[in-house]
Structures are given as structure tokens and as C-alpha cells.
C-alpha atoms as a PDB file:
ATOM      1  CA  MET A   1     104.584  99.164 114.343  1.00  0.00           C
ATOM      2  CA  LYS A   2     107.649 101.363 113.754  1.00  0.00           C
ATOM      3  CA  LYS A   3     107.003 104.719 112.061  1.00  0.00           C
ATOM      4  CA  GLN A   4     108.348 104.990 108.547  1.00  0.00           C
ATOM      5  CA  LYS A   5     111.040 107.616 108.087  1.00  0.00           C
ATOM      6  CA  ILE A   6     110.119 109.623 105.020  1.00  0.00           C
ATOM      7  CA  TYR A   7     112.017 112.283 103.094  1.00  0.00           C
ATOM      8  CA  LEU A   8     110.018 115.147 101.613  1.00  0.00           C
ATOM      9  CA  GLU A   9     111.557 116.289  98.337  1.00  0.00           C
ATOM     10  CA  THR A  10     111.212 119.901  97.121  1.00  0.00           C
ATOM     11  CA  THR A  11     108.148 119.367  94.942  1.00  0.00           C
ATOM     12  CA  LEU A  12     105.968 118.533  97.951  1.00  0.00           C
ATOM     13  CA  PHE A  13     106.456 121.983  99.447  1.00  0.00           C
ATOM     14  CA  ASN A  14     105.276 123.473  96.146  1.00  0.00           C
ATOM     15  CA  PHE A  15     102.292 121.151  95.762  1.00  0.00           C
ATOM     16  CA  TYR A  16     101.155 121.954  99.301  1.00  0.00           C
ATOM     17  CA  PHE A  17     100.315 125.474  98.202  1.00  0.00           C
ATOM     18  CA  ASP A  18      99.426 124.912  94.537  1.00  0.00           C
ATOM     19  CA  ASP A  19      95.783 124.036  95.010  1.00  0.00           C
ATOM     20  CA  ASP A  20      95.138 123.856  91.285  1.00  0.00           C
ATOM     21  CA  ARG A  21      97.410 120.839  90.916  1.00  0.00           C
ATOM     22  CA  GLU A  22      95.942 117.352  90.893  1.00  0.00           C
ATOM     23  CA  ALA A  23      98.105 116.042  93.763  1.00  0.00           C
ATOM     24  CA  HIS A  24      97.524 119.040  96.051  1.00  0.00           C
ATOM     25  CA  ALA A  25      94.891 117.280  98.212  1.00  0.00           C
ATOM     26  CA  ASP A  26      97.049 114.172  98.720  1.00  0.00           C
ATOM     27  CA  THR A  27     100.089 116.318  99.525  1.00  0.00           C
ATOM     28  CA  VAL A  28      98.164 118.240 102.189  1.00  0.00           C
ATOM     29  CA  LYS A  29      96.813 114.951 103.505  1.00  0.00           C
ATOM     30  CA  LEU A  30     100.386 113.607 103.782  1.00  0.00           C
ATOM     31  CA  PHE A  31     101.438 116.630 105.835  1.00  0.00           C
ATOM     32  CA  LYS A  32      98.378 116.062 108.078  1.00  0.00           C
ATOM     33  CA  GLU A  33      99.406 112.411 108.540  1.00  0.00           C
ATOM     34  CA  ILE A  34     102.879 113.648 109.528  1.00  0.00           C
ATOM     35  CA  ALA A  35     101.265 115.980 112.097  1.00  0.00           C
ATOM     36  CA  ASP A  36      99.178 113.068 113.374  1.00  0.00           C
ATOM     37  CA  GLY A  37     102.416 111.114 114.025  1.00  0.00           C
ATOM     38  CA  LYS A  38     102.015 108.501 111.295  1.00  0.00           C
ATOM     39  CA  TYR A  39     105.449 109.272 109.805  1.00  0.00           C
ATOM     40  CA  GLU A  40     108.769 110.631 110.938  1.00  0.00           C
ATOM     41  CA  ALA A  41     109.456 113.354 108.361  1.00  0.00           C
ATOM     42  CA  TYR A  42     112.783 114.595 107.053  1.00  0.00           C
ATOM     43  CA  THR A  43     114.038 116.927 104.358  1.00  0.00           C
ATOM     44  CA  SER A  44     117.527 118.331 103.682  1.00  0.00           C
ATOM     45  CA  GLY A  45     119.664 121.353 103.058  1.00  0.00           C
ATOM     46  CA  ALA A  46     119.341 120.591  99.344  1.00  0.00           C
ATOM     47  CA  VAL A  47     115.590 121.182  99.578  1.00  0.00           C
ATOM     48  CA  ILE A  48     116.122 124.422 101.494  1.00  0.00           C
ATOM     49  CA  GLU A  49     118.478 125.631  98.728  1.00  0.00           C
ATOM     50  CA  GLU A  50     115.892 124.809  96.078  1.00  0.00           C
ATOM     51  CA  LEU A  51     113.066 126.447  98.041  1.00  0.00           C
ATOM     52  CA  ALA A  52     115.190 129.598  98.339  1.00  0.00           C
ATOM     53  CA  LYS A  53     114.920 130.046  94.562  1.00  0.00           C
ATOM     54  CA  ALA A  54     111.167 130.769  94.874  1.00  0.00           C
ATOM     55  CA  PRO A  55     109.769 134.265  95.244  1.00  0.00           C
ATOM     56  CA  ILE A  56     110.316 135.406  98.861  1.00  0.00           C
ATOM     57  CA  LYS A  57     106.658 135.211  99.945  1.00  0.00           C
ATOM     58  CA  LYS A  58     106.262 131.707  98.595  1.00  0.00           C
ATOM     59  CA  TYR A  59     109.630 130.691 100.040  1.00  0.00           C
ATOM     60  CA  GLU A  60     108.577 131.926 103.480  1.00  0.00           C
ATOM     61  CA  LYS A  61     105.318 129.948 103.345  1.00  0.00           C
ATOM     62  CA  MET A  62     107.067 126.757 102.118  1.00  0.00           C
ATOM     63  CA  PHE A  63     109.874 127.081 104.653  1.00  0.00           C
ATOM     64  CA  ALA A  64     107.357 127.606 107.466  1.00  0.00           C
ATOM     65  CA  LEU A  65     106.001 124.103 106.818  1.00  0.00           C
ATOM     66  CA  ILE A  66     109.257 122.689 108.167  1.00  0.00           C
ATOM     67  CA  ASP A  67     108.617 124.153 111.604  1.00  0.00           C
ATOM     68  CA  GLU A  68     104.868 123.732 111.516  1.00  0.00           C
ATOM     69  CA  TYR A  69     105.142 119.986 110.838  1.00  0.00           C
ATOM     70  CA  ASN A  70     108.323 119.392 112.873  1.00  0.00           C
ATOM     71  CA  ILE A  71     110.286 118.181 109.850  1.00  0.00           C
ATOM     72  CA  THR A  72     113.925 117.370 110.573  1.00  0.00           C
ATOM     73  CA  VAL A  73     116.384 119.004 108.182  1.00  0.00           C
ATOM     74  CA  LEU A  74     119.337 116.771 107.380  1.00  0.00           C
ATOM     75  CA  SER A  75     122.638 118.121 106.170  1.00  0.00           C
ATOM     76  CA  VAL A  76     124.020 117.007 102.842  1.00  0.00           C
ATOM     77  CA  SER A  77     127.090 115.088 103.932  1.00  0.00           C
ATOM     78  CA  GLU A  78     130.219 114.401 101.917  1.00  0.00           C
ATOM     79  CA  GLU A  79     129.109 110.753 101.911  1.00  0.00           C
ATOM     80  CA  ALA A  80     125.785 111.732 100.281  1.00  0.00           C
ATOM     81  CA  GLU A  81     127.592 113.921  97.750  1.00  0.00           C
ATOM     82  CA  LYS A  82     129.837 110.984  96.739  1.00  0.00           C
ATOM     83  CA  LEU A  83     126.842 108.666  96.374  1.00  0.00           C
ATOM     84  CA  ALA A  84     125.033 111.284  94.274  1.00  0.00           C
ATOM     85  CA  ASP A  85     128.100 111.459  92.009  1.00  0.00           C
ATOM     86  CA  ILE A  86     127.943 107.691  91.537  1.00  0.00           C
ATOM     87  CA  TYR A  87     124.281 107.957  90.493  1.00  0.00           C
ATOM     88  CA  VAL A  88     125.231 110.604  87.904  1.00  0.00           C
ATOM     89  CA  ALA A  89     128.261 108.628  86.685  1.00  0.00           C
ATOM     90  CA  GLU A  90     126.019 105.573  86.175  1.00  0.00           C
ATOM     91  CA  GLY A  91     123.649 107.644  84.029  1.00  0.00           C
ATOM     92  CA  ILE A  92     120.632 107.393  86.288  1.00  0.00           C
ATOM     93  CA  ILE A  93     119.971 111.159  86.275  1.00  0.00           C
ATOM     94  CA  PRO A  94     121.842 113.731  84.124  1.00  0.00           C
ATOM     95  CA  GLN A  95     124.504 115.953  85.725  1.00  0.00           C
ATOM     96  CA  LYS A  96     122.310 118.974  85.059  1.00  0.00           C
ATOM     97  CA  TYR A  97     119.804 117.570  87.575  1.00  0.00           C
ATOM     98  CA  ARG A  98     122.369 116.306  90.088  1.00  0.00           C
ATOM     99  CA  THR A  99     120.390 117.771  92.983  1.00  0.00           C
ATOM    100  CA  ASP A 100     117.769 115.069  92.334  1.00  0.00           C
ATOM    101  CA  CYS A 101     120.527 112.538  92.945  1.00  0.00           C
ATOM    102  CA  VAL A 102     121.489 114.344  96.152  1.00  0.00           C
ATOM    103  CA  HIS A 103     117.934 113.945  97.489  1.00  0.00           C
ATOM    104  CA  ILE A 104     118.033 110.186  96.917  1.00  0.00           C
ATOM    105  CA  ALA A 105     121.546 109.885  98.324  1.00  0.00           C
ATOM    106  CA  VAL A 106     120.606 111.765 101.528  1.00  0.00           C
ATOM    107  CA  VAL A 107     117.814 109.249 102.045  1.00  0.00           C
ATOM    108  CA  ALA A 108     120.185 106.315 101.528  1.00  0.00           C
ATOM    109  CA  VAL A 109     123.063 107.481 103.756  1.00  0.00           C
ATOM    110  CA  ASN A 110     120.665 108.431 106.553  1.00  0.00           C
ATOM    111  CA  GLY A 111     118.838 105.112 106.480  1.00  0.00           C
ATOM    112  CA  LEU A 112     115.411 106.564 105.775  1.00  0.00           C
ATOM    113  CA  ASP A 113     112.698 104.327 104.409  1.00  0.00           C
ATOM    114  CA  LEU A 114     111.375 106.278 101.435  1.00  0.00           C
ATOM    115  CA  ILE A 115     111.502 109.474  99.479  1.00  0.00           C
ATOM    116  CA  VAL A 116     108.194 111.195  98.580  1.00  0.00           C
ATOM    117  CA  SER A 117     108.257 113.369  95.488  1.00  0.00           C
ATOM    118  CA  MET A 118     106.164 114.671  92.631  1.00  0.00           C
ATOM    119  CA  ASN A 119     109.200 114.804  90.329  1.00  0.00           C
ATOM    120  CA  PHE A 120     108.221 112.178  87.773  1.00  0.00           C
ATOM    121  CA  GLU A 121     110.900 113.262  85.300  1.00  0.00           C
ATOM    122  CA  HIS A 122     113.879 112.042  87.317  1.00  0.00           C
ATOM    123  CA  ILE A 123     112.975 110.822  90.786  1.00  0.00           C
ATOM    124  CA  VAL A 124     109.670 108.919  90.878  1.00  0.00           C
ATOM    125  CA  LYS A 125     110.565 106.441  88.157  1.00  0.00           C
ATOM    126  CA  LEU A 126     110.990 102.691  88.210  1.00  0.00           C
ATOM    127  CA  LYS A 127     114.392 103.017  86.483  1.00  0.00           C
ATOM    128  CA  THR A 128     115.590 105.426  89.170  1.00  0.00           C
ATOM    129  CA  GLU A 129     114.370 103.254  92.027  1.00  0.00           C
ATOM    130  CA  ARG A 130     115.893 100.082  90.599  1.00  0.00           C
ATOM    131  CA  MET A 131     119.250 101.580  89.570  1.00  0.00           C
ATOM    132  CA  THR A 132     119.814 103.612  92.783  1.00  0.00           C
ATOM    133  CA  GLY A 133     118.783 100.514  94.722  1.00  0.00           C
ATOM    134  CA  ALA A 134     121.420  98.421  93.000  1.00  0.00           C
ATOM    135  CA  ILE A 135     124.096 101.071  93.538  1.00  0.00           C
ATOM    136  CA  ASN A 136     123.075 101.463  97.167  1.00  0.00           C
ATOM    137  CA  ILE A 137     123.502  97.749  97.818  1.00  0.00           C
ATOM    138  CA  LEU A 138     126.899  97.720  96.087  1.00  0.00           C
ATOM    139  CA  ASN A 139     127.974 100.617  98.349  1.00  0.00           C
ATOM    140  CA  GLY A 140     126.710  99.226 101.623  1.00  0.00           C
ATOM    141  CA  TYR A 141     123.318 100.968 101.823  1.00  0.00           C
ATOM    142  CA  ARG A 142     119.860  99.491 101.551  1.00  0.00           C
ATOM    143  CA  THR A 143     117.370 100.129  98.794  1.00  0.00           C
ATOM    144  CA  ILE A 144     114.785 102.837  99.312  1.00  0.00           C
ATOM    145  CA  GLU A 145     111.295 103.232  98.017  1.00  0.00           C
ATOM    146  CA  ILE A 146     110.581 106.211  95.769  1.00  0.00           C
ATOM    147  CA  VAL A 147     106.913 107.192  95.791  1.00  0.00           C
ATOM    148  CA  SER A 148     104.398 109.965  95.229  1.00  0.00           C
ATOM    149  CA  PRO A 149     102.108 111.239  97.977  1.00  0.00           C
ATOM    150  CA  MET A 150      99.169 109.396  96.354  1.00  0.00           C
ATOM    151  CA  GLU A 151     100.960 106.092  97.096  1.00  0.00           C
ATOM    152  CA  VAL A 152     101.360 106.673 100.839  1.00  0.00           C
ATOM    153  CA  VAL A 153      98.362 108.631 102.149  1.00  0.00           C
ATOM    154  CA  GLU A 154      95.414 106.793 103.653  1.00  0.00           C
ATOM    155  CA  ASN A 155      92.246 106.880 101.612  1.00  0.00           C
ATOM    156  CA  GLU A 156      88.705 106.438 102.874  1.00  0.00           C
ATOM    157  CA  ASN A 157      88.638 102.854 101.580  1.00  0.00           C
ATOM    158  CA  ASP A 158      91.948 101.798 103.201  1.00  0.00           C
END
């Protein structure tokens, strides 16, 4: 079976180290599954920019995960920027949170299978998945799945 190509959004790098958060264990488990070769993992320059806003020590730890887990960093292309602008224009996510649109657009233009996020305010939402999916199809891209780590990691009963 072909490995799924997954995009790790900024929140996962935070949850990896925030062990008091409910999804911490599943986030760490997802990174372990990446290390075990279950997924082909990607992130983007947009994530790097957001991580850079953290205090330097935390930034260094989060950034180190990219090398440690061999995560490919994709550039944010002009094509992705244009698609993100369409998402904003269609009212999927407010302009103030345009970077969330950029994450989804990077996944679409690079043909990845899904985006994994803990951002339930704008990204991991049925409305976002359906509306970006429709826009993607109209613009020649395929739909993508938008999920949380809890939806993709293997559990003992799986």
C-alpha cells in the first residue's frame, strides 16, 4: 500500500512538547509512526514562520523535530498563495487567519493526501474541509482530508 503524504500544521509541533494537553500522546505517537515509515511527512515555510514566533528555546526544540523525523519542508508557492486568497475570498477562513488557508493550499497544490492539525477553530472543521474541497475541484486540484492526530494514529484496538 502506498504511504499517505501528510502535512503537519504548526499546532502539532506545539502539542508534541505540551505534555499537559489532551492530544499530546497522540501527537507524539503520530511522529513515531512517521519515524517508523508509516507516513511521508511534510510541512512548509509557513509553519517555520509561525514556529519562529515562539520563544527561542521552544522554537529550537520544535524546529529540531523537522530534522529528527525527516520532515520535508515545502515552499509556499505563488500558486498556493493564490489558492489561499480564493479560500479567504470565499469566506472559508477570515483574512486575519490567512496563514491557515496557506497551510491547506500548500497541501492541495503539492498533491498531498491530508493535513493534520489541532486547530479546530479554522482548519479541522467540516465546513473548511467541504468548502476547500469544492474550491480545489473547481481549480483543478483534488480534495484533501483535514484531520486531527487522534484520527490517524493506530490504537491498540486497531
